[in-house]
Amino acid sequence: MSGDLRLWQQQALRKYLDQSPKDFLAVATPGAGKTTFALRVATELTSKRIVDRVIVVVPTEHLKVQWSGAAARVGLSLDPKFKNTDALNPQYDGVVVTYAQVAMHPFKHHALATAKRTLVIMDEIHHGGDAKSWGDGIREAYGDAERRLALTGTPFRSDDSAIPFVRYEETGEGYLVSRADHTYGYADALADAVVRPVVFLAYSGEARWRTSAGEEYAARLGEVMSPEQTARAWKTALDPKGEWIPAVLQAAHTRLMQLRETIPDAGGLVIATDTTTARAYAKILQQLSSTPVAVILSDEAGSSERIKAFDASTDEWMVAVRMVSEGVDVPRLAVGVYATSASTPLFFAQAIGRFVRSRAKGETASVFLPSVPVLLDLASKLETSRDHVLGKPDRPKEGWDDDLLAAANKKESERDLQERSYESLGAEAELDALIYDGSSYGTGTLAGSDEEADYLGLPGLLDAEQMRALLRKRQSEQLDRRDAEAAQKQVGEAAASNNTDTGGSGSNVASEEIPRLRKELNTLVAMAASRTGRPHGAIHTEIRTQCGGPPTALCSAEQLQARIDYLRRW
């Protein structure tokens, strides 16, 4: 019955067939094979004459084509071009439609789902709560369907919009929690080698900008600051006219070239915030890449064909606006650059899901991202399973301040207004930390340095445990090296303090030492974060509270040295 299925798929199928439920929610991490499981359910039900029609509902137009092709491979003929004005072609076993399509004419789709005994498969069912019209539409259309199978890799939302056809249960504490009928999380899939290990490379650096009043500001990505400052520092880093994003794209391209030595067709994906920056990033990459750079815009005709063409090629890079990330299914993607201000757990999980699909034993994935607290937190919790909570009065904010989320994700009209009151002055890039398996491995290395190249040169074929062991070994070596440098520095300072001909105090540090001191401080903070599990920003805040002074980016050499000394005692 299920010899060609993975173990989790076999278990879920057995559970489904034994229970024969009207509604069934299967939660499986991106890349685990939800489509294969669902189509196996469909073929079992159609072969046993339990249902006579199959309808698949998906969030994007591109996924209609993918589902239709997958169904054809198991003997089901589903029409991906069905329109609300069409009559169902009797030569097909069913149709593939989008949530938006159903919401536009729910009564039409209700008629399709009830004219025959129908199995409705709702892919990424959490989208049923995206808009009231979508939720109302699928409730109206499929409330009377014979069977409903809901699928998602991310069964959580950051709001109280109930997901249709999902079971919620009382917790006894005054709120409701979603319950899946079968769950297969990323940690499970990683242990089974069903998905790739993901190494996150978090880049920090000082960002500078000027307001309309002429005031100039500087802040370091990763430090705790106001929502407005974080949004502007983040946006400055992502500015294609600055220094940060070109340096990170160069590092990502270096990593991709190294991976292609062992994975010849490995590809990279940059997820951009909007179409303008997507095209600008593509121009930068084109100067690095030896193959054409594909630009995929979800609102343009032919995007599905361009994705398929990139998947079938061995080209190096693709750039997509953030809205298309969930519709991109290119298994050879192994390097990602998270160059967007989107920060919800739902979007982050779906975006990282583009890189975890395993094809061969030992393949690893690398994702580059800004060293912003919310993203670092999401990266460290990649393996944590979540449920959708409704009505919790003290619901924690999903990663960061709501005001910051609003500021970072401006609508285009609002962004135009912001542009007139804000000018990016540039940002430096530093490899701040590697995050893997929930642990942070501090680096504190400048972009383009030998140390950065060492980290970018991680082997491309390592299983999860091998990657964990290698990173721990490198972290230990780095700690030993830093300790030796600190000891040597103390010897030098002692010698300088005994020199009466220097014309100044041996404790004073020349202003040209500021970049080196800032790098040393950031390295120590990253190491402390790795040891304690605390966010980098929280440690920076504690040091500033104890030592006084401005944010790190504005510190003098003496202030930086004081913070370094405090951390060494700490």
Protein backbone atom coordinates (compact mmCIF):
# COMPACT_ATOMS: atom_id res chain seq x y z
CA MET A 1 0.00 0.00 0.00
CA SER A 2 2.72 2.49 0.96
CA GLY A 3 6.10 0.99 0.15
CA ASP A 4 7.10 4.00 -1.96
CA LEU A 5 6.32 6.49 0.82
CA ARG A 6 8.54 7.90 3.54
CA LEU A 7 7.89 6.65 7.03
CA TRP A 8 5.98 9.74 8.15
CA GLN A 9 3.83 9.57 5.02
CA GLN A 10 3.08 5.91 5.68
CA GLN A 11 2.10 6.66 9.26
CA ALA A 12 -0.11 9.59 8.28
CA LEU A 13 -1.76 7.58 5.48
CA ARG A 14 -2.45 4.66 7.79
CA LYS A 15 -3.96 7.02 10.35
CA TYR A 16 -6.11 8.66 7.69
CA LEU A 17 -7.42 5.41 6.23
CA ASP A 18 -8.10 3.93 9.68
CA GLN A 19 -10.02 6.98 10.87
CA SER A 20 -11.73 7.80 7.56
CA PRO A 21 -12.32 11.39 8.75
CA LYS A 22 -14.26 14.17 7.09
CA ASP A 23 -11.50 16.63 8.05
CA PHE A 24 -7.79 15.88 8.45
CA LEU A 25 -4.95 18.36 9.08
CA ALA A 26 -1.44 17.21 8.19
CA VAL A 27 1.42 19.46 9.31
CA ALA A 28 4.77 18.70 7.68
CA THR A 29 7.83 20.87 7.31
CA PRO A 30 8.54 22.32 3.84
CA GLY A 31 10.40 19.76 1.77
CA ALA A 32 9.03 16.73 3.65
CA GLY A 33 6.60 15.65 0.91
CA LYS A 34 3.12 16.96 1.74
CA THR A 35 2.11 16.85 -1.91
CA THR A 36 3.07 13.19 -2.27
CA PHE A 37 1.12 12.28 0.87
CA ALA A 38 -1.99 14.17 -0.22
CA LEU A 39 -2.01 12.69 -3.71
CA ARG A 40 -1.65 9.22 -2.23
CA VAL A 41 -4.75 9.90 -0.13
CA ALA A 42 -6.50 11.06 -3.30
CA THR A 43 -5.61 7.95 -5.29
CA GLU A 44 -6.67 5.68 -2.41
CA LEU A 45 -10.05 7.40 -2.12
CA THR A 46 -10.71 7.51 -5.86
CA SER A 47 -9.68 3.88 -6.41
CA LYS A 48 -12.06 2.78 -3.64
CA ARG A 49 -14.86 4.96 -5.06
CA ILE A 50 -15.12 6.90 -1.83
CA VAL A 51 -14.79 10.10 -3.85
CA ASP A 52 -15.30 10.80 -7.54
CA ARG A 53 -13.68 14.20 -7.86
CA VAL A 54 -10.54 15.90 -6.51
CA ILE A 55 -10.18 19.65 -6.01
CA VAL A 56 -6.88 21.20 -4.91
CA VAL A 57 -6.78 24.76 -3.54
CA VAL A 58 -3.41 26.58 -3.50
CA PRO A 59 -2.19 30.10 -2.62
CA THR A 60 -0.44 30.99 -5.93
CA GLU A 61 -0.89 30.53 -9.66
CA HIS A 62 2.51 28.85 -9.96
CA LEU A 63 1.50 26.13 -7.49
CA LYS A 64 -1.49 25.25 -9.69
CA VAL A 65 0.94 24.11 -12.37
CA GLN A 66 3.13 22.22 -9.87
CA TRP A 67 0.18 20.33 -8.36
CA SER A 68 -1.24 19.45 -11.75
CA GLY A 69 2.10 18.02 -12.86
CA ALA A 70 2.53 16.02 -9.65
CA ALA A 71 -1.00 14.64 -9.93
CA ALA A 72 -0.41 13.55 -13.51
CA ARG A 73 2.55 11.46 -12.36
CA VAL A 74 0.26 9.37 -10.13
CA GLY A 75 -2.52 9.03 -12.68
CA LEU A 76 -4.79 11.92 -11.66
CA SER A 77 -5.74 14.50 -14.27
CA LEU A 78 -6.34 17.91 -12.65
CA ASP A 79 -7.04 21.02 -14.74
CA PRO A 80 -4.73 23.91 -13.65
CA LYS A 81 -6.27 26.36 -16.13
CA PHE A 82 -9.85 26.14 -14.87
CA LYS A 83 -11.51 29.56 -14.66
CA ASN A 84 -14.59 30.65 -12.76
CA THR A 85 -16.38 31.17 -16.07
CA ASP A 86 -15.63 27.63 -17.29
CA ALA A 87 -17.60 24.43 -17.06
CA LEU A 88 -15.63 21.47 -15.73
CA ASN A 89 -14.17 19.39 -18.54
CA PRO A 90 -15.37 15.80 -17.92
CA GLN A 91 -12.02 14.47 -19.17
CA TYR A 92 -10.41 15.72 -15.96
CA ASP A 93 -10.61 14.11 -12.51
CA GLY A 94 -10.82 17.56 -10.98
CA VAL A 95 -9.29 21.03 -10.89
CA VAL A 96 -6.58 23.08 -9.18
CA VAL A 97 -7.69 26.58 -8.11
CA THR A 98 -6.40 29.40 -5.91
CA TYR A 99 -7.88 30.68 -2.65
CA ALA A 100 -8.49 34.04 -4.34
CA GLN A 101 -10.32 32.32 -7.20
CA VAL A 102 -12.62 30.53 -4.76
CA ALA A 103 -13.28 33.73 -2.80
CA MET A 104 -14.42 35.50 -5.98
CA HIS A 105 -17.17 32.95 -6.72
CA PRO A 106 -17.71 30.60 -3.75
CA PHE A 107 -21.14 29.43 -4.94
CA LYS A 108 -19.63 28.23 -8.22
CA HIS A 109 -17.05 26.18 -6.32
CA HIS A 110 -19.68 24.88 -3.90
CA ALA A 111 -21.54 23.48 -6.90
CA LEU A 112 -18.33 21.79 -8.15
CA ALA A 113 -17.62 20.27 -4.74
CA THR A 114 -21.14 18.91 -4.22
CA ALA A 115 -22.11 17.77 -7.72
CA LYS A 116 -20.02 14.65 -7.05
CA ARG A 117 -18.46 13.15 -3.94
CA THR A 118 -15.35 15.30 -3.70
CA LEU A 119 -12.05 15.34 -1.85
CA VAL A 120 -10.89 18.93 -1.35
CA ILE A 121 -7.15 19.29 -0.69
CA MET A 122 -6.28 22.71 0.75
CA ASP A 123 -2.56 23.35 0.42
CA GLU A 124 -1.00 25.77 2.93
CA ILE A 125 -4.35 26.05 4.70
CA HIS A 126 -3.10 28.90 6.90
CA HIS A 127 -3.78 31.15 3.90
CA GLY A 128 -7.46 30.60 4.57
CA GLY A 129 -7.09 33.20 7.31
CA ASP A 130 -5.22 35.77 5.21
CA ALA A 131 -8.33 37.77 4.41
CA LYS A 132 -11.92 37.55 5.52
CA SER A 133 -13.03 36.96 1.94
CA TRP A 134 -10.65 34.00 1.58
CA GLY A 135 -11.80 32.35 4.79
CA ASP A 136 -15.47 32.99 4.09
CA GLY A 137 -15.00 31.82 0.52
CA ILE A 138 -13.61 28.38 1.30
CA ARG A 139 -16.11 27.88 4.14
CA GLU A 140 -18.96 28.58 1.77
CA ALA A 141 -17.48 26.60 -1.10
CA TYR A 142 -16.38 23.46 0.74
CA GLY A 143 -18.52 23.29 3.87
CA ASP A 144 -20.55 20.43 2.34
CA ALA A 145 -17.72 18.56 0.60
CA GLU A 146 -17.44 14.82 1.22
CA ARG A 147 -13.83 14.99 2.45
CA ARG A 148 -11.40 17.81 3.29
CA LEU A 149 -7.65 17.33 3.63
CA ALA A 150 -5.75 20.38 4.92
CA LEU A 151 -1.97 20.71 4.55
CA THR A 152 0.52 23.20 5.94
CA GLY A 153 4.15 23.48 6.87
CA THR A 154 3.45 26.43 9.16
CA PRO A 155 0.17 26.01 11.10
CA PHE A 156 0.54 29.26 12.98
CA ARG A 157 -0.46 32.86 12.47
CA SER A 158 0.39 36.01 14.43
CA ASP A 159 -3.26 37.06 14.64
CA ASP A 160 -6.60 35.70 15.83
CA SER A 161 -7.95 34.86 12.36
CA ALA A 162 -9.24 31.30 12.69
CA ILE A 163 -8.10 28.94 9.96
CA PRO A 164 -11.14 27.28 8.34
CA PHE A 165 -11.65 23.52 8.85
CA VAL A 166 -8.92 23.42 11.52
CA ARG A 167 -9.82 21.99 14.91
CA TYR A 168 -9.19 24.24 17.92
CA GLU A 169 -9.24 22.94 21.47
CA GLU A 170 -9.61 24.65 24.84
CA THR A 171 -6.42 24.83 26.87
CA GLY A 172 -8.15 25.46 30.19
CA GLU A 173 -6.50 28.90 30.34
CA GLY A 174 -9.04 30.85 28.33
CA TYR A 175 -7.72 30.43 24.82
CA LEU A 176 -7.77 27.94 21.95
CA VAL A 177 -4.94 26.05 20.29
CA SER A 178 -4.98 24.40 16.86
CA ARG A 179 -4.61 20.62 16.77
CA ALA A 180 -3.13 18.71 13.86
CA ASP A 181 -4.06 15.11 13.11
CA HIS A 182 -0.47 14.33 12.11
CA THR A 183 2.68 16.41 12.59
CA TYR A 184 6.13 15.97 11.07
CA GLY A 185 8.37 18.87 12.06
CA TYR A 186 11.69 20.15 10.77
CA ALA A 187 13.60 18.54 13.64
CA ASP A 188 12.04 15.16 12.80
CA ALA A 189 12.81 15.57 9.11
CA LEU A 190 16.38 16.64 9.86
CA ALA A 191 16.93 13.55 12.02
CA ASP A 192 15.58 11.38 9.19
CA ALA A 193 17.78 13.17 6.61
CA VAL A 194 14.62 14.15 4.73
CA VAL A 195 15.65 17.82 4.72
CA ARG A 196 19.00 19.58 4.57
CA PRO A 197 20.74 21.13 7.55
CA VAL A 198 20.61 24.95 7.31
CA VAL A 199 23.48 27.17 8.44
CA PHE A 200 22.53 30.83 8.93
CA LEU A 201 25.26 33.41 8.37
CA ALA A 202 24.22 36.61 10.14
CA TYR A 203 25.89 39.81 8.95
CA SER A 204 26.10 42.91 11.12
CA GLY A 205 27.85 46.21 10.55
CA GLU A 206 27.45 49.91 11.20
CA ALA A 207 24.62 51.63 9.29
CA ARG A 208 24.48 55.40 8.79
CA TRP A 209 21.61 57.62 7.64
CA ARG A 210 20.50 61.28 7.56
CA THR A 211 17.05 62.67 8.38
CA SER A 212 15.29 65.48 6.52
CA ALA A 213 16.42 67.82 9.32
CA GLY A 214 20.02 67.09 8.42
CA GLU A 215 20.74 65.02 11.52
CA GLU A 216 23.00 62.03 10.95
CA TYR A 217 22.67 58.77 12.85
CA ALA A 218 24.74 55.60 13.12
CA ALA A 219 23.73 52.27 14.59
CA ARG A 220 25.02 48.73 14.50
CA LEU A 221 22.73 46.00 13.21
CA GLY A 222 21.92 43.67 16.06
CA GLU A 223 22.04 46.20 18.87
CA VAL A 224 18.88 47.04 20.81
CA MET A 225 17.49 50.37 19.64
CA SER A 226 14.17 52.06 18.98
CA PRO A 227 11.78 50.59 16.39
CA GLU A 228 12.40 53.51 14.02
CA GLN A 229 16.17 53.21 14.33
CA THR A 230 16.10 49.46 13.75
CA ALA A 231 13.87 49.86 10.70
CA ARG A 232 16.15 52.51 9.21
CA ALA A 233 19.37 50.64 10.00
CA TRP A 234 17.87 47.50 8.45
CA LYS A 235 16.70 49.38 5.38
CA THR A 236 20.08 51.09 5.03
CA ALA A 237 21.81 47.71 5.02
CA LEU A 238 19.47 46.44 2.28
CA ASP A 239 19.99 49.54 0.11
CA PRO A 240 21.52 48.32 -3.19
CA LYS A 241 23.42 51.63 -3.49
CA GLY A 242 25.28 51.00 -0.23
CA GLU A 243 28.16 48.74 0.76
CA TRP A 244 26.40 46.15 2.96
CA ILE A 245 24.28 44.24 0.45
CA PRO A 246 27.01 44.05 -2.25
CA ALA A 247 29.41 42.63 0.36
CA VAL A 248 26.86 40.06 1.51
CA LEU A 249 25.96 39.11 -2.07
CA GLN A 250 29.68 38.65 -2.77
CA ALA A 251 30.00 36.38 0.26
CA ALA A 252 26.90 34.41 -0.76
CA HIS A 253 28.26 33.99 -4.28
CA THR A 254 31.58 32.77 -2.87
CA ARG A 255 29.69 30.22 -0.78
CA LEU A 256 27.66 29.12 -3.80
CA MET A 257 30.79 28.63 -5.91
CA GLN A 258 32.30 26.47 -3.18
CA LEU A 259 29.14 24.39 -2.89
CA ARG A 260 29.06 23.88 -6.66
CA GLU A 261 32.41 22.08 -6.40
CA THR A 262 30.52 19.21 -4.73
CA ILE A 263 26.96 20.02 -5.85
CA PRO A 264 27.47 21.09 -9.50
CA ASP A 265 23.93 22.38 -10.09
CA ALA A 266 23.51 24.18 -6.73
CA GLY A 267 21.59 27.42 -7.14
CA GLY A 268 21.05 30.57 -5.12
CA LEU A 269 17.96 32.65 -4.36
CA VAL A 270 17.81 36.25 -3.15
CA ILE A 271 14.48 37.20 -1.55
CA ALA A 272 13.94 40.94 -2.02
CA THR A 273 11.34 43.28 -0.54
CA ASP A 274 10.07 44.82 -3.80
CA THR A 275 10.55 44.79 -7.55
CA THR A 276 12.89 47.80 -7.64
CA THR A 277 15.42 46.31 -5.24
CA ALA A 278 15.05 42.88 -6.85
CA ARG A 279 16.22 44.28 -10.18
CA ALA A 280 19.03 46.22 -8.48
CA TYR A 281 20.26 43.10 -6.68
CA ALA A 282 20.18 41.20 -9.97
CA LYS A 283 22.49 43.81 -11.54
CA ILE A 284 24.99 43.36 -8.71
CA LEU A 285 24.86 39.57 -9.00
CA GLN A 286 25.27 39.72 -12.77
CA GLN A 287 28.72 41.23 -12.23
CA LEU A 288 29.62 38.19 -10.10
CA SER A 289 27.83 35.37 -11.88
CA SER A 290 29.00 33.55 -14.97
CA THR A 291 25.39 32.71 -15.91
CA PRO A 292 22.26 34.85 -16.47
CA VAL A 293 20.48 36.02 -13.29
CA ALA A 294 16.74 35.29 -13.35
CA VAL A 295 14.37 37.88 -11.88
CA ILE A 296 11.03 36.39 -10.79
CA LEU A 297 8.21 38.83 -10.07
CA SER A 298 4.99 37.19 -8.89
CA ASP A 299 2.76 39.84 -10.42
CA GLU A 300 4.21 39.46 -13.91
CA ALA A 301 2.94 37.06 -16.55
CA GLY A 302 5.19 34.11 -17.21
CA SER A 303 6.69 33.88 -13.72
CA SER A 304 5.84 30.17 -13.49
CA GLU A 305 7.65 29.47 -16.75
CA ARG A 306 10.73 31.39 -15.59
CA ILE A 307 10.84 29.41 -12.34
CA LYS A 308 10.58 26.14 -14.28
CA ALA A 309 13.30 27.26 -16.69
CA PHE A 310 15.64 28.16 -13.83
CA ASP A 311 14.95 24.84 -12.10
CA ALA A 312 15.75 22.92 -15.28
CA SER A 313 18.99 24.83 -15.87
CA THR A 314 22.29 24.94 -14.01
CA ASP A 315 22.27 28.75 -13.75
CA GLU A 316 23.63 30.20 -10.55
CA TRP A 317 21.23 32.88 -9.28
CA MET A 318 17.58 33.82 -9.11
CA VAL A 319 16.13 36.95 -7.45
CA ALA A 320 12.49 37.02 -6.36
CA VAL A 321 10.27 39.48 -4.57
CA ARG A 322 9.22 38.25 -1.16
CA MET A 323 5.65 37.38 -2.20
CA VAL A 324 6.81 34.61 -4.54
CA SER A 325 8.90 32.69 -1.98
CA GLU A 326 6.16 30.22 -1.09
CA GLY A 327 5.52 29.42 -4.75
CA VAL A 328 9.17 28.74 -5.55
CA ASP A 329 9.88 25.01 -5.54
CA VAL A 330 13.41 24.57 -6.89
CA PRO A 331 15.09 21.65 -5.07
CA ARG A 332 18.57 22.62 -6.24
CA LEU A 333 18.48 25.91 -4.27
CA ALA A 334 21.25 25.64 -1.67
CA VAL A 335 22.20 29.26 -0.91
CA GLY A 336 19.80 32.01 0.11
CA VAL A 337 20.05 35.70 0.88
CA TYR A 338 17.23 36.98 3.09
CA ALA A 339 17.26 40.56 1.80
CA THR A 340 13.76 41.60 2.85
CA SER A 341 12.18 43.44 5.76
CA ALA A 342 9.48 40.77 6.17
CA SER A 343 9.82 39.30 9.65
CA THR A 344 6.77 37.28 10.66
CA PRO A 345 7.44 33.68 11.76
CA LEU A 346 5.10 32.48 9.02
CA PHE A 347 6.95 34.22 6.20
CA PHE A 348 10.39 33.37 7.57
CA ALA A 349 9.56 29.66 7.85
CA GLN A 350 8.13 29.57 4.33
CA ALA A 351 11.14 31.43 2.93
CA ILE A 352 13.67 29.10 4.58
CA GLY A 353 11.59 26.19 3.30
CA ARG A 354 12.83 27.02 -0.21
CA PHE A 355 16.33 25.76 0.73
CA VAL A 356 15.75 22.64 2.82
CA ARG A 357 14.58 20.15 0.20
CA SER A 358 16.98 17.23 0.32
CA ARG A 359 18.06 15.46 -2.86
CA ALA A 360 21.19 13.59 -1.81
CA LYS A 361 22.69 12.56 1.51
CA GLY A 362 24.83 15.21 3.16
CA GLU A 363 23.78 18.30 1.18
CA THR A 364 23.76 21.45 3.32
CA ALA A 365 22.10 24.83 2.79
CA SER A 366 23.43 28.29 3.70
CA VAL A 367 21.20 31.33 4.29
CA PHE A 368 22.65 34.83 4.66
CA LEU A 369 20.62 37.37 6.64
CA PRO A 370 20.91 40.70 8.46
CA SER A 371 21.94 40.44 12.12
CA VAL A 372 18.61 41.81 13.38
CA PRO A 373 17.26 40.43 16.69
CA VAL A 374 13.95 39.24 15.26
CA LEU A 375 15.62 37.28 12.46
CA LEU A 376 18.28 35.82 14.75
CA ASP A 377 15.53 34.64 17.09
CA LEU A 378 13.57 33.04 14.23
CA ALA A 379 16.72 31.36 12.90
CA SER A 380 17.56 29.91 16.31
CA LYS A 381 14.01 28.54 16.67
CA LEU A 382 13.74 26.97 13.23
CA GLU A 383 13.30 23.51 14.73
CA THR A 384 10.60 24.60 17.20
CA SER A 385 7.09 23.39 16.37
CA ARG A 386 4.27 25.92 16.73
CA ASP A 387 0.52 25.80 16.92
CA HIS A 388 -1.99 28.52 16.14
CA VAL A 389 -3.28 30.20 19.31
CA LEU A 390 -6.61 32.07 19.40
CA GLY A 391 -7.77 34.50 22.04
CA LYS A 392 -4.70 34.54 24.25
CA PRO A 393 -4.91 37.85 26.13
CA ASP A 394 -1.17 38.14 26.78
CA ARG A 395 -0.10 36.91 23.35
CA PRO A 396 3.61 37.66 22.98
CA LYS A 397 4.59 39.74 20.02
CA GLU A 398 6.01 37.58 17.26
CA GLY A 399 9.67 38.50 17.47
CA TRP A 400 9.66 42.25 17.72
CA ASP A 401 7.71 45.42 18.35
CA ASP A 402 4.51 45.94 16.35
CA ASP A 403 5.56 49.50 15.59
CA LEU A 404 8.82 48.25 14.11
CA LEU A 405 6.98 45.73 11.97
CA ALA A 406 4.76 48.49 10.63
CA ALA A 407 7.75 50.73 9.97
CA ALA A 408 9.81 48.04 8.23
CA ASN A 409 6.95 46.82 6.05
CA LYS A 410 5.64 50.14 4.73
CA LYS A 411 3.21 50.11 1.84
CA GLU A 412 4.60 51.61 -1.33
CA SER A 413 2.72 54.90 -0.87
CA GLU A 414 3.98 55.26 2.69
CA ARG A 415 7.50 54.28 1.65
CA ASP A 416 7.56 57.12 -0.87
CA LEU A 417 6.80 59.56 1.96
CA GLN A 418 9.51 58.06 4.12
CA GLU A 419 12.08 58.42 1.33
CA ARG A 420 11.68 62.20 1.45
CA SER A 421 12.58 62.28 5.15
CA TYR A 422 15.40 59.76 5.17
CA GLU A 423 18.66 59.33 3.29
CA SER A 424 20.83 56.24 3.47
CA LEU A 425 24.52 57.01 3.92
CA GLY A 426 25.83 53.45 3.80
CA ALA A 427 26.56 50.41 5.93
CA GLU A 428 29.56 48.17 6.55
CA ALA A 429 29.25 44.40 6.56
CA GLU A 430 30.67 42.04 9.19
CA LEU A 431 30.02 38.32 9.58
CA ASP A 432 28.57 38.49 13.09
CA ALA A 433 27.64 34.89 13.84
CA LEU A 434 26.75 31.48 12.44
CA ILE A 435 23.52 29.94 13.72
CA TYR A 436 22.97 26.23 13.48
CA ASP A 437 20.75 23.82 15.40
CA GLY A 438 19.57 26.62 17.68
CA SER A 439 23.12 27.57 18.71
CA SER A 440 25.05 30.72 17.83
CA TYR A 441 28.72 30.48 16.89
CA GLY A 442 30.31 33.92 17.15
CA THR A 443 32.68 35.17 14.46
CA GLY A 444 32.97 38.96 14.42
CA THR A 445 34.91 39.03 11.15
CA LEU A 446 35.00 41.77 8.52
CA ALA A 447 33.59 41.01 5.10
CA GLY A 448 36.38 39.97 2.78
CA SER A 449 38.72 38.92 5.59
CA ASP A 450 40.60 35.63 5.78
CA GLU A 451 38.45 34.58 8.75
CA GLU A 452 35.26 35.15 6.76
CA ALA A 453 36.65 33.06 3.91
CA ASP A 454 37.38 30.29 6.40
CA TYR A 455 33.75 30.20 7.52
CA LEU A 456 32.43 30.45 3.98
CA GLY A 457 34.56 27.42 3.10
CA LEU A 458 32.50 24.97 5.17
CA PRO A 459 32.24 21.63 3.32
CA GLY A 460 29.16 21.33 1.14
CA LEU A 461 28.48 17.69 1.98
CA LEU A 462 27.97 17.23 5.72
CA ASP A 463 25.14 15.59 7.58
CA ALA A 464 23.55 17.29 10.58
CA GLU A 465 25.84 15.79 13.23
CA GLN A 466 29.00 16.39 11.18
CA MET A 467 28.05 20.05 10.73
CA ARG A 468 27.42 20.41 14.46
CA ALA A 469 30.79 18.85 15.35
CA LEU A 470 32.70 20.99 12.83
CA LEU A 471 31.18 24.26 14.06
CA ARG A 472 31.91 23.38 17.68
CA LYS A 473 35.52 22.59 16.77
CA ARG A 474 35.94 25.90 14.94
CA GLN A 475 34.34 27.80 17.83
CA SER A 476 36.78 26.19 20.28
CA GLU A 477 39.72 27.05 18.04
CA GLN A 478 38.54 30.64 17.78
CA LEU A 479 38.18 30.97 21.55
CA ASP A 480 41.73 29.65 22.01
CA ARG A 481 43.04 32.08 19.38
CA ARG A 482 41.24 35.05 20.97
CA ASP A 483 42.56 34.15 24.41
CA ALA A 484 46.10 33.99 23.05
CA GLU A 485 45.69 37.38 21.35
CA ALA A 486 44.30 38.88 24.57
CA ALA A 487 47.26 37.56 26.57
CA GLN A 488 49.71 39.00 24.02
CA LYS A 489 47.87 42.33 24.09
CA GLN A 490 48.13 42.50 27.90
CA VAL A 491 51.87 41.93 27.68
CA GLY A 492 52.16 44.75 25.17
CA GLU A 493 50.09 47.12 27.30
CA ALA A 494 52.21 46.33 30.33
CA ALA A 495 55.36 47.15 28.38
CA ALA A 496 53.81 50.38 27.09
CA SER A 497 52.82 51.49 30.59
CA ASN A 498 56.50 51.24 31.65
CA ASN A 499 57.64 53.44 28.78
CA THR A 500 57.91 57.01 30.06
CA ASP A 501 58.83 58.41 26.64
CA THR A 502 55.48 57.79 24.94
CA GLY A 503 54.19 61.28 25.72
CA GLY A 504 50.89 59.92 27.01
CA SER A 505 49.24 57.32 29.19
CA GLY A 506 49.66 53.69 28.17
CA SER A 507 45.94 53.15 28.82
CA ASN A 508 44.93 55.53 26.04
CA VAL A 509 44.23 53.87 22.74
CA ALA A 510 44.78 55.66 19.45
CA SER A 511 41.62 56.61 17.56
CA GLU A 512 42.71 54.56 14.55
CA GLU A 513 42.22 51.48 16.76
CA ILE A 514 38.44 51.99 16.88
CA PRO A 515 37.58 49.54 14.02
CA ARG A 516 39.76 46.85 15.60
CA LEU A 517 38.28 47.43 19.06
CA ARG A 518 34.75 47.38 17.72
CA LYS A 519 35.45 44.08 15.99
CA GLU A 520 36.96 42.63 19.18
CA LEU A 521 33.94 43.75 21.23
CA ASN A 522 31.50 42.23 18.74
CA THR A 523 33.43 38.96 18.78
CA LEU A 524 33.31 38.79 22.58
CA VAL A 525 29.58 39.56 22.54
CA ALA A 526 28.99 36.78 19.99
CA MET A 527 30.95 34.34 22.14
CA ALA A 528 29.00 35.34 25.24
CA ALA A 529 25.76 34.87 23.31
CA SER A 530 26.89 31.40 22.26
CA ARG A 531 27.74 30.42 25.85
CA THR A 532 24.61 31.86 27.49
CA GLY A 533 21.99 31.55 24.75
CA ARG A 534 21.11 35.24 25.20
CA PRO A 535 20.56 37.53 22.16
CA HIS A 536 23.51 39.67 21.06
CA GLY A 537 21.46 42.83 21.57
CA ALA A 538 20.66 41.97 25.19
CA ILE A 539 24.36 41.55 25.99
CA HIS A 540 25.22 44.86 24.27
CA THR A 541 22.50 46.55 26.35
CA GLU A 542 23.82 45.12 29.62
CA ILE A 543 27.37 46.23 28.83
CA ARG A 544 26.18 49.74 27.96
CA THR A 545 24.15 49.92 31.20
CA GLN A 546 27.16 48.90 33.29
CA CYS A 547 29.80 50.95 31.47
CA GLY A 548 27.74 53.93 30.35
CA GLY A 549 28.22 55.82 27.11
CA PRO A 550 26.50 55.89 23.70
CA PRO A 551 25.64 53.01 21.35
CA THR A 552 28.65 50.98 20.22
CA ALA A 553 28.77 52.65 16.80
CA LEU A 554 29.32 56.06 18.49
CA CYS A 555 31.81 54.95 21.16
CA SER A 556 35.33 56.34 21.48
CA ALA A 557 38.30 54.02 21.65
CA GLU A 558 38.44 54.38 25.43
CA GLN A 559 34.73 53.52 25.78
CA LEU A 560 35.13 50.47 23.56
CA GLN A 561 38.14 49.31 25.58
CA ALA A 562 36.17 49.70 28.80
CA ARG A 563 33.39 47.49 27.43
CA ILE A 564 35.92 44.88 26.26
CA ASP A 565 37.51 44.84 29.72
CA TYR A 566 34.08 44.45 31.34
CA LEU A 567 33.21 41.53 29.06
CA ARG A 568 36.51 39.78 29.79
CA ARG A 569 35.77 40.02 33.52
CA TRP A 570 32.16 38.91 32.86
